[in-house]
Amino acid sequence: MSTHLLLVDDDRTFAALAATVLRQEGFRVTTAHSLHDARASLGREAPDVVVLDRRLPDGDGIDFLPELRTQFPDTAVLLVTAHGDIASAVEAIKAGARDYLSKPVELDDLVLRARRAAADLQLHERLRQAESQLEGRHRLLRPRAPAMAAALQMLERIATAPRSPVLLLGETGVGKEVIARHLHALRGGQGPFVHINCAALPATMVESELFGHERGAFTDARSARRGLVEVANGGVLFLDEVGELPAGLQAKLLTFLDQGAFRRLGGTAELHSTARVVAATNRDLNREVAEGRFREDLYFRLSVFRVDIPPLRERREDVLPLAESLVAELSAELGRRPVGFSPAAVKRLERYPFPGNVRELRNVLERALVLEAGPALELQALEPRGDAAPTAPDPNAFVVPGSPRPLEEVERLYVRHVLGLLEGKRMEAARALGLSYPTFLKRLGED
C-alpha cells in the first residue's frame, strides 16, 4: 500500500509541481491550500506524512502542529519555513515536527525527506508488529480459574529453586511452552531459554542435539558441536514431549539431572551446565513407567516439582479473556484491525469444549479473522453439528442469492451491506471492515 502524504501549501503552483513529483515517486498525495482545507482532509483520512507550510492564509502552521500531533500522533510532519535559521528549526522540532525544510524548497530534498519519513514509519510499524507477536505469543494472562491460578502460584514458589527440575503435565495444546517461558521470566529471564521437541527428532540425533558431539563422533561429525544442555547454561532447557526420549538417553539425562555433568557424544571430558530442566508431556508417565517405556528413577527425578495444567474446558472463566488477547495478537500478525465478538460468538465460546485447548482456540480465531470480514466475529465454526433444531434466519445476515457471482461483485455487495447496517456512516463502515477510506470507496465502486 502506498504512503499517503498530505501537502499543505498556499502556493498552488509549487503545490501542484511538488504533488506531481511525489506521485511519480510512489506517494499518494492530497493537497490543501489552507488550515481549513487541511482540517477537512484530515477529517476524511489520516495521512502517513504531512508536509506543512508555516505561512498560510488562515494561520501559522507551527500553531496548528500541536493539534495535528494530538489527533494523529503517529503521523510524521515535515514543517516548511521561509526562515532557514537555527531558531526556526529548533522551534519546529520542539513543536513536534519530525523534520523541517527551508524555502525555497528543492524538490529533490523534499522527496528525500519524505522517503525517510515513510521508511521510518514502515520500520516502526514492523517493530510494533514483531513486538506484539513475540509478547503476545509468550504472554501469560493472569487466570481467573482457581485451578490455573493455583498452578501459577506454585510456579512462583518453584522459581526460587533454580536448579530443581520441573515437570509440566497436561493435554495437547494447553500451553505448556508458555508456562515454561513464564517460569523463566519469573527468574528475571536470566540466561537463555532453549526449547527442544524430543518427538520431532530421530532417535539417532537426540543425544547429539542434547549433549553435543566431538569431531569424528560419527560419519558427518566434521567438527565439534555444543549441545543444547551446554547452550542453555545459566538458563532453562525446555524438553517438550519428554516421554518420547529413547530409553538409552534417559539414563544420560538422569545423570545430568543428578550431577549437572555430561559428556559430549564421542568425548571423554566431563562438562558441566547449570541449565534448569523443565520437561513437559501429555502422556501418562505412570502408565509409561508401569509398561517399561520410561525409567521410574527418571520420572521421580523430573517430578520434584510437578505442575498439572488444567484443560481449557475446566477453566471456563479464562476462555473469553484469552480469546480477546489472541484476537489482538493475531490481528497484528494478519495486518487487520482488532475486532470483537458478537453476543452469539461469546455464547459459542462459553459452550464449546475445546478438545484441542488453547492451540485449537488460536486456530479457530485465526481462521475466523481471515474468513469473516464483518464488524464482529461470529465463530460459526464452533456451532455444534448434528440434528440441531433449525434457527430463524438472522435479518442482518449477508446473503447473495441466485447463481454464483464474481468475487469482486460479492465484495462490493458486502461493503454496501455493512454500510447499510451502520446506517450509511462511511468512516465507521471502513473501520469495521478494516479498510482505509480510499480502499473502502474503491470497493464500494465510488473511487
Protein backbone atom coordinates (compact mmCIF):
# COMPACT_ATOMS: atom_id res chain seq x y z
CA MET A 1 0.00 0.00 0.00
CA SER A 2 1.40 3.45 -1.00
CA THR A 3 2.23 6.10 1.59
CA HIS A 4 -0.45 8.80 1.93
CA LEU A 5 1.08 12.31 2.03
CA LEU A 6 -0.89 15.49 2.77
CA LEU A 7 0.77 18.59 1.26
CA VAL A 8 -0.42 21.86 2.86
CA ASP A 9 0.86 24.93 1.00
CA ASP A 10 -0.90 28.06 -0.25
CA ASP A 11 1.44 28.38 -3.25
CA ARG A 12 -0.71 26.49 -5.74
CA THR A 13 1.97 26.39 -8.44
CA PHE A 14 4.54 24.86 -6.07
CA ALA A 15 1.94 22.51 -4.55
CA ALA A 16 0.92 21.19 -7.99
CA LEU A 17 4.54 20.68 -9.06
CA ALA A 18 5.54 19.02 -5.78
CA ALA A 19 2.46 16.76 -5.84
CA THR A 20 3.33 15.62 -9.37
CA VAL A 21 6.91 14.78 -8.41
CA LEU A 22 5.87 12.99 -5.22
CA ARG A 23 3.27 10.92 -7.09
CA GLN A 24 5.94 9.89 -9.57
CA GLU A 25 7.92 8.64 -6.55
CA GLY A 26 5.04 6.41 -5.46
CA PHE A 27 3.33 8.63 -2.86
CA ARG A 28 -0.44 9.04 -2.79
CA VAL A 29 -0.75 12.83 -2.47
CA THR A 30 -3.60 15.02 -1.24
CA THR A 31 -3.18 18.79 -1.40
CA ALA A 32 -4.62 21.54 0.80
CA HIS A 33 -4.07 25.31 0.49
CA SER A 34 -5.15 26.43 3.97
CA LEU A 35 -5.55 25.15 7.51
CA HIS A 36 -9.30 24.94 6.87
CA ASP A 37 -8.67 22.65 3.86
CA ALA A 38 -6.15 20.63 5.88
CA ARG A 39 -8.65 20.00 8.70
CA ALA A 40 -11.27 18.90 6.17
CA SER A 41 -8.82 16.47 4.57
CA LEU A 42 -7.76 15.11 7.96
CA GLY A 43 -11.41 14.51 8.80
CA ARG A 44 -11.67 12.20 5.80
CA GLU A 45 -8.45 10.19 6.20
CA ALA A 46 -5.39 10.07 8.44
CA PRO A 47 -2.22 10.68 6.41
CA ASP A 48 1.09 8.94 6.99
CA VAL A 49 3.15 12.07 6.27
CA VAL A 50 2.22 15.78 6.31
CA VAL A 51 4.27 18.48 4.59
CA LEU A 52 3.06 21.64 6.34
CA ASP A 53 3.86 25.22 5.37
CA ARG A 54 4.15 27.78 8.17
CA ARG A 55 2.69 30.81 6.45
CA LEU A 56 -0.87 30.01 5.42
CA PRO A 57 -3.81 32.37 4.70
CA ASP A 58 -5.66 31.43 7.91
CA GLY A 59 -2.83 30.85 10.36
CA ASP A 60 0.68 29.68 11.15
CA GLY A 61 1.41 26.00 10.51
CA ILE A 62 3.51 25.77 13.67
CA ASP A 63 0.49 26.84 15.76
CA PHE A 64 -1.57 24.09 14.09
CA LEU A 65 1.11 21.46 14.75
CA PRO A 66 0.09 20.59 18.39
CA GLU A 67 -3.49 19.99 17.25
CA LEU A 68 -2.26 17.77 14.43
CA ARG A 69 0.09 15.79 16.69
CA THR A 70 -2.64 15.27 19.29
CA GLN A 71 -5.11 13.96 16.73
CA PHE A 72 -2.60 11.87 14.75
CA PRO A 73 0.41 11.06 16.97
CA ASP A 74 1.86 8.52 14.51
CA THR A 75 1.86 10.90 11.53
CA ALA A 76 5.26 12.28 10.51
CA VAL A 77 5.24 16.06 9.98
CA LEU A 78 7.74 17.97 7.81
CA LEU A 79 7.43 21.71 8.52
CA VAL A 80 8.24 24.14 5.71
CA THR A 81 9.52 27.58 6.79
CA ALA A 82 10.77 30.63 4.97
CA HIS A 83 13.22 31.25 7.79
CA GLY A 84 16.19 28.94 7.37
CA ASP A 85 17.80 29.83 10.68
CA ILE A 86 18.58 27.55 13.60
CA ALA A 87 15.92 29.12 15.82
CA SER A 88 13.13 28.19 13.39
CA ALA A 89 14.42 24.63 13.10
CA VAL A 90 14.56 24.21 16.89
CA GLU A 91 11.07 25.68 17.25
CA ALA A 92 9.70 23.27 14.65
CA ILE A 93 11.25 20.19 16.26
CA LYS A 94 10.09 21.24 19.75
CA ALA A 95 6.56 21.65 18.43
CA GLY A 96 6.58 18.02 17.28
CA ALA A 97 7.80 18.12 13.69
CA ARG A 98 9.91 15.20 12.53
CA ASP A 99 11.98 17.42 10.22
CA TYR A 100 11.91 20.85 8.62
CA LEU A 101 12.52 22.30 5.15
CA SER A 102 13.59 25.82 4.26
CA LYS A 103 12.13 27.81 1.38
CA PRO A 104 12.76 27.83 -1.46
CA VAL A 105 12.19 24.07 -1.21
CA GLU A 106 14.29 21.91 -3.50
CA LEU A 107 12.09 19.13 -4.89
CA ASP A 108 14.91 16.57 -4.60
CA ASP A 109 15.29 17.45 -0.91
CA LEU A 110 11.53 17.21 -0.37
CA VAL A 111 11.39 13.75 -1.95
CA LEU A 112 14.42 12.56 0.07
CA ARG A 113 12.98 13.70 3.40
CA ALA A 114 9.52 12.33 2.58
CA ARG A 115 11.07 8.97 1.72
CA ARG A 116 12.99 8.93 5.00
CA ALA A 117 9.85 9.73 6.97
CA ALA A 118 7.90 6.98 5.17
CA ALA A 119 10.72 4.45 5.72
CA ASP A 120 10.82 5.27 9.44
CA LEU A 121 7.06 4.82 9.73
CA GLN A 122 7.24 1.42 8.00
CA LEU A 123 10.11 0.34 10.25
CA HIS A 124 8.26 1.37 13.39
CA GLU A 125 5.16 -0.49 12.22
CA ARG A 126 7.17 -3.68 11.59
CA LEU A 127 8.79 -3.36 15.02
CA ARG A 128 5.40 -2.90 16.67
CA GLN A 129 4.05 -5.96 14.89
CA ALA A 130 7.12 -8.03 15.81
CA GLU A 131 6.91 -6.95 19.46
CA SER A 132 3.20 -7.71 19.52
CA GLN A 133 3.77 -11.16 18.08
CA LEU A 134 6.60 -12.03 20.47
CA GLU A 135 4.93 -10.60 23.55
CA GLY A 136 1.51 -11.95 22.68
CA ARG A 137 2.63 -15.45 21.80
CA HIS A 138 4.51 -15.92 25.07
CA ARG A 139 2.46 -13.67 27.35
CA LEU A 140 0.57 -15.39 30.15
CA LEU A 141 -2.66 -13.71 31.15
CA ARG A 142 -3.49 -13.67 34.83
CA PRO A 143 -6.02 -16.52 35.10
CA ARG A 144 -9.44 -16.27 36.70
CA ALA A 145 -10.00 -20.03 37.09
CA PRO A 146 -8.93 -21.30 40.55
CA ALA A 147 -7.15 -24.40 39.17
CA MET A 148 -4.96 -22.34 36.83
CA ALA A 149 -4.34 -19.69 39.47
CA ALA A 150 -3.12 -22.41 41.86
CA ALA A 151 -0.74 -23.73 39.19
CA LEU A 152 0.77 -20.26 38.71
CA GLN A 153 1.14 -19.73 42.45
CA MET A 154 3.09 -22.97 42.59
CA LEU A 155 5.31 -21.77 39.74
CA GLU A 156 6.11 -18.60 41.68
CA ARG A 157 7.32 -20.72 44.61
CA ILE A 158 9.24 -23.08 42.32
CA ALA A 159 11.11 -20.15 40.74
CA THR A 160 13.10 -19.70 43.96
CA ALA A 161 14.77 -23.14 43.49
CA PRO A 162 16.82 -22.51 40.33
CA ARG A 163 18.30 -25.98 39.74
CA SER A 164 15.41 -28.27 40.64
CA PRO A 165 13.71 -29.84 37.61
CA VAL A 166 10.05 -29.18 36.86
CA LEU A 167 7.56 -31.48 35.15
CA LEU A 168 4.61 -29.91 33.36
CA LEU A 169 1.71 -32.27 32.66
CA GLY A 170 -1.34 -31.54 30.57
CA GLU A 171 -3.25 -32.31 27.41
CA THR A 172 -2.01 -31.31 23.98
CA GLY A 173 -2.40 -27.60 23.37
CA VAL A 174 -2.84 -26.39 26.97
CA GLY A 175 0.15 -24.05 26.67
CA LYS A 176 2.98 -25.90 28.36
CA GLU A 177 5.64 -23.91 26.50
CA VAL A 178 4.03 -20.64 27.59
CA ILE A 179 4.09 -21.90 31.19
CA ALA A 180 7.78 -22.85 30.86
CA ARG A 181 8.60 -19.39 29.49
CA HIS A 182 6.66 -17.83 32.35
CA LEU A 183 8.79 -19.76 34.83
CA HIS A 184 11.90 -18.48 33.05
CA ALA A 185 10.55 -14.91 33.26
CA LEU A 186 9.87 -15.28 36.99
CA ARG A 187 13.64 -15.52 37.46
CA GLY A 188 14.11 -12.31 35.52
CA GLY A 189 14.77 -14.11 32.23
CA GLN A 190 18.29 -14.96 33.35
CA GLY A 191 20.22 -16.98 30.79
CA PRO A 192 18.82 -18.39 27.55
CA PHE A 193 15.56 -20.24 27.09
CA VAL A 194 16.25 -23.28 24.90
CA HIS A 195 13.37 -25.38 23.55
CA ILE A 196 13.71 -28.87 22.08
CA ASN A 197 10.85 -31.10 20.97
CA CYS A 198 12.02 -34.62 21.75
CA ALA A 199 9.35 -36.12 19.47
CA ALA A 200 10.49 -34.11 16.45
CA LEU A 201 14.00 -35.56 16.21
CA PRO A 202 15.09 -39.01 15.02
CA ALA A 203 16.30 -41.23 17.86
CA THR A 204 19.81 -41.23 16.37
CA MET A 205 20.06 -37.43 16.61
CA VAL A 206 18.57 -36.71 20.03
CA GLU A 207 21.77 -37.39 22.00
CA SER A 208 23.85 -35.18 19.72
CA GLU A 209 21.27 -32.38 19.90
CA LEU A 210 21.06 -32.53 23.68
CA PHE A 211 24.66 -33.16 24.70
CA GLY A 212 26.67 -32.23 21.60
CA HIS A 213 29.38 -34.24 19.89
CA GLU A 214 33.11 -34.22 19.25
CA ARG A 215 34.72 -34.24 15.85
CA GLY A 216 34.64 -37.73 14.34
CA ALA A 217 31.97 -39.00 16.75
CA PHE A 218 30.01 -40.20 13.70
CA THR A 219 30.32 -40.05 9.92
CA ASP A 220 29.14 -36.47 9.40
CA ALA A 221 30.72 -35.01 12.54
CA ARG A 222 33.39 -32.92 10.80
CA SER A 223 33.72 -30.56 13.75
CA ALA A 224 32.84 -30.47 17.44
CA ARG A 225 29.45 -29.06 18.34
CA ARG A 226 27.91 -27.86 21.59
CA GLY A 227 24.65 -29.49 22.63
CA LEU A 228 21.57 -27.68 23.89
CA VAL A 229 22.37 -28.60 27.50
CA GLU A 230 25.56 -26.57 27.09
CA VAL A 231 23.84 -23.74 25.21
CA ALA A 232 21.22 -23.42 27.98
CA ASN A 233 23.86 -22.97 30.71
CA GLY A 234 22.53 -20.48 33.26
CA GLY A 235 19.03 -20.57 31.82
CA VAL A 236 16.22 -23.01 31.10
CA LEU A 237 16.26 -26.15 28.95
CA PHE A 238 12.68 -26.98 27.98
CA LEU A 239 12.28 -30.64 27.00
CA ASP A 240 8.92 -30.84 25.26
CA GLU A 241 7.43 -34.33 24.83
CA VAL A 242 9.99 -35.80 27.22
CA GLY A 243 8.05 -39.07 27.20
CA GLU A 244 9.41 -39.68 23.67
CA LEU A 245 13.06 -39.87 24.77
CA PRO A 246 14.77 -43.14 23.76
CA ALA A 247 15.44 -45.49 26.68
CA GLY A 248 19.23 -45.28 26.32
CA LEU A 249 19.21 -41.50 26.53
CA GLN A 250 17.00 -41.45 29.60
CA ALA A 251 19.91 -42.71 31.73
CA LYS A 252 22.23 -39.96 30.45
CA LEU A 253 19.60 -37.33 31.20
CA LEU A 254 19.21 -38.74 34.72
CA THR A 255 22.97 -38.39 35.31
CA PHE A 256 22.85 -34.76 34.19
CA LEU A 257 19.89 -34.03 36.48
CA ASP A 258 21.67 -35.58 39.46
CA GLN A 259 25.13 -34.08 38.93
CA GLY A 260 24.85 -31.28 36.37
CA ALA A 261 27.56 -33.17 34.44
CA PHE A 262 27.59 -34.74 30.98
CA ARG A 263 29.87 -35.84 28.16
CA ARG A 264 29.54 -34.99 24.52
CA LEU A 265 28.91 -37.84 22.13
CA GLY A 266 32.32 -39.33 21.32
CA GLY A 267 34.02 -37.31 24.07
CA THR A 268 35.78 -38.22 27.32
CA ALA A 269 35.91 -34.87 29.10
CA GLU A 270 33.28 -34.24 31.76
CA LEU A 271 31.44 -30.97 31.19
CA HIS A 272 29.02 -29.09 33.42
CA SER A 273 25.92 -26.93 32.92
CA THR A 274 23.65 -25.13 35.36
CA ALA A 275 20.67 -25.23 32.99
CA ARG A 276 17.39 -25.86 34.72
CA VAL A 277 15.41 -28.65 33.07
CA VAL A 278 11.70 -28.07 32.57
CA ALA A 279 10.09 -31.14 30.99
CA ALA A 280 6.61 -31.47 29.55
CA THR A 281 4.45 -34.28 28.22
CA ASN A 282 0.83 -35.13 27.50
CA ARG A 283 1.49 -38.81 28.18
CA ASP A 284 0.52 -40.67 31.35
CA LEU A 285 4.03 -41.25 32.70
CA ASN A 286 2.79 -43.54 35.46
CA ARG A 287 1.47 -45.89 32.76
CA GLU A 288 4.67 -45.45 30.72
CA VAL A 289 6.70 -46.48 33.79
CA ALA A 290 4.40 -49.45 34.52
CA GLU A 291 4.77 -50.67 30.91
CA GLY A 292 8.54 -50.26 30.92
CA ARG A 293 8.83 -47.43 28.39
CA PHE A 294 10.01 -44.77 30.84
CA ARG A 295 12.54 -45.10 33.63
CA GLU A 296 10.98 -44.89 37.06
CA ASP A 297 14.01 -43.16 38.59
CA LEU A 298 13.98 -40.52 35.85
CA TYR A 299 10.27 -39.93 36.42
CA PHE A 300 10.85 -39.40 40.13
CA ARG A 301 13.77 -37.05 39.44
CA LEU A 302 11.86 -34.99 36.89
CA SER A 303 8.79 -34.67 39.10
CA VAL A 304 10.49 -32.98 42.06
CA PHE A 305 8.08 -30.20 41.18
CA ARG A 306 5.06 -31.43 39.25
CA VAL A 307 2.61 -28.92 37.83
CA ASP A 308 -0.66 -30.11 36.29
CA ILE A 309 -2.02 -27.67 33.68
CA PRO A 310 -5.83 -27.92 33.53
CA PRO A 311 -7.50 -28.20 30.12
CA LEU A 312 -9.44 -25.22 28.81
CA ARG A 313 -12.81 -26.89 29.38
CA GLU A 314 -12.01 -26.93 33.13
CA ARG A 315 -11.23 -23.20 33.27
CA ARG A 316 -14.18 -21.65 31.50
CA GLU A 317 -13.60 -18.30 33.21
CA ASP A 318 -10.40 -17.88 31.17
CA VAL A 319 -11.80 -18.61 27.70
CA LEU A 320 -13.16 -15.16 26.78
CA PRO A 321 -10.20 -13.09 28.13
CA LEU A 322 -7.81 -15.49 26.40
CA ALA A 323 -9.77 -15.26 23.14
CA GLU A 324 -9.70 -11.44 23.28
CA SER A 325 -5.94 -11.46 23.83
CA LEU A 326 -5.37 -13.90 20.97
CA VAL A 327 -7.53 -11.84 18.60
CA ALA A 328 -5.43 -8.75 19.33
CA GLU A 329 -2.23 -10.72 18.70
CA LEU A 330 -3.49 -12.38 15.52
CA SER A 331 -4.90 -9.12 14.17
CA ALA A 332 -1.42 -7.59 14.40
CA GLU A 333 0.08 -10.61 12.63
CA LEU A 334 -2.52 -10.52 9.85
CA GLY A 335 -2.47 -6.75 9.42
CA ARG A 336 -6.13 -6.42 10.38
CA ARG A 337 -7.67 -4.04 12.86
CA PRO A 338 -8.74 -5.80 16.10
CA VAL A 339 -12.38 -6.83 16.21
CA GLY A 340 -14.68 -8.02 18.95
CA PHE A 341 -17.13 -10.89 19.31
CA SER A 342 -20.84 -10.84 18.62
CA PRO A 343 -23.13 -11.93 21.51
CA ALA A 344 -23.69 -15.22 19.66
CA ALA A 345 -19.94 -15.78 19.38
CA VAL A 346 -19.49 -15.19 23.12
CA LYS A 347 -22.10 -17.88 23.82
CA ARG A 348 -20.35 -20.25 21.42
CA LEU A 349 -17.04 -19.66 23.21
CA GLU A 350 -18.71 -20.36 26.54
CA ARG A 351 -20.28 -23.64 25.34
CA TYR A 352 -17.58 -25.18 23.17
CA PRO A 353 -15.43 -27.85 24.96
CA PHE A 354 -12.16 -27.10 23.07
CA PRO A 355 -10.67 -30.62 22.93
CA GLY A 356 -7.54 -29.07 21.38
CA ASN A 357 -7.34 -26.49 24.19
CA VAL A 358 -5.58 -23.14 23.66
CA ARG A 359 -3.98 -24.28 20.40
CA GLU A 360 -7.43 -25.09 18.96
CA LEU A 361 -8.80 -21.76 20.20
CA ARG A 362 -5.98 -19.92 18.46
CA ASN A 363 -6.57 -21.83 15.21
CA VAL A 364 -10.32 -21.12 15.29
CA LEU A 365 -9.70 -17.41 15.82
CA GLU A 366 -7.07 -17.19 13.08
CA ARG A 367 -9.42 -18.87 10.61
CA ALA A 368 -12.27 -16.55 11.62
CA LEU A 369 -10.14 -13.42 11.21
CA VAL A 370 -9.29 -14.48 7.66
CA LEU A 371 -12.73 -15.68 6.55
CA GLU A 372 -15.08 -13.38 8.48
CA ALA A 373 -14.96 -9.77 7.28
CA GLY A 374 -17.76 -8.39 9.42
CA PRO A 375 -17.54 -5.84 12.23
CA ALA A 376 -17.59 -8.63 14.85
CA LEU A 377 -16.57 -12.28 14.77
CA GLU A 378 -19.40 -14.82 14.75
CA LEU A 379 -17.34 -18.05 15.17
CA GLN A 380 -19.86 -20.22 13.35
CA ALA A 381 -17.22 -22.99 13.29
CA LEU A 382 -17.89 -23.56 17.00
CA GLU A 383 -21.57 -24.29 16.40
CA PRO A 384 -22.32 -27.95 17.19
CA ARG A 385 -23.13 -30.10 14.17
CA GLY A 386 -25.84 -32.72 14.04
CA ASP A 387 -29.62 -32.77 14.25
CA ALA A 388 -29.97 -29.43 15.95
CA ALA A 389 -33.27 -27.63 15.51
CA PRO A 390 -33.21 -25.06 12.71
CA THR A 391 -32.88 -21.46 13.86
CA ALA A 392 -34.70 -18.46 12.49
CA PRO A 393 -32.76 -16.59 9.81
CA ASP A 394 -30.82 -13.57 11.02
CA PRO A 395 -32.38 -10.43 9.45
CA ASN A 396 -28.93 -8.82 9.38
CA ALA A 397 -27.26 -11.78 7.67
CA PHE A 398 -25.45 -11.20 4.40
CA VAL A 399 -26.90 -13.42 1.68
CA VAL A 400 -26.04 -13.46 -2.02
CA PRO A 401 -29.00 -15.07 -3.77
CA GLY A 402 -29.02 -16.57 -7.23
CA SER A 403 -26.19 -18.10 -9.22
CA PRO A 404 -22.51 -17.66 -8.30
CA ARG A 405 -21.13 -14.20 -8.96
CA PRO A 406 -17.60 -12.81 -9.46
CA LEU A 407 -15.71 -12.24 -6.20
CA GLU A 408 -15.30 -8.51 -6.94
CA GLU A 409 -19.08 -8.11 -7.18
CA VAL A 410 -19.65 -10.07 -3.96
CA GLU A 411 -17.13 -7.84 -2.14
CA ARG A 412 -18.94 -4.73 -3.38
CA LEU A 413 -22.28 -6.12 -2.22
CA TYR A 414 -20.86 -6.93 1.20
CA VAL A 415 -19.35 -3.46 1.61
CA ARG A 416 -22.76 -1.99 0.85
CA HIS A 417 -24.36 -4.45 3.27
CA VAL A 418 -22.08 -3.30 6.10
CA LEU A 419 -22.69 0.33 5.18
CA GLY A 420 -26.42 -0.31 5.49
CA LEU A 421 -26.00 -1.97 8.91
CA LEU A 422 -24.13 1.13 10.09
CA GLU A 423 -26.81 3.48 8.76
CA GLY A 424 -24.70 4.99 5.99
CA LYS A 425 -21.80 6.04 8.25
CA ARG A 426 -18.94 5.58 5.82
CA MET A 427 -15.97 6.16 8.14
CA GLU A 428 -17.40 3.69 10.66
CA ALA A 429 -18.05 1.14 7.92
CA ALA A 430 -14.46 1.49 6.66
CA ARG A 431 -13.15 0.96 10.19
CA ALA A 432 -15.42 -2.06 10.75
CA LEU A 433 -14.14 -3.65 7.53
CA GLY A 434 -10.51 -2.89 8.40
CA LEU A 435 -10.08 -0.81 5.24
CA SER A 436 -8.58 2.60 4.58
CA TYR A 437 -11.13 5.14 3.41
CA PRO A 438 -9.88 5.24 -0.22
CA THR A 439 -9.90 1.42 -0.39
CA PHE A 440 -13.41 1.44 1.09
CA LEU A 441 -14.60 3.83 -1.62
CA LYS A 442 -12.93 1.67 -4.28
CA ARG A 443 -14.68 -1.47 -3.02
CA LEU A 444 -17.90 0.50 -2.87
CA GLY A 445 -17.43 1.45 -6.50
CA GLU A 446 -17.13 5.18 -5.88
CA ASP A 447 -13.38 5.82 -6.27
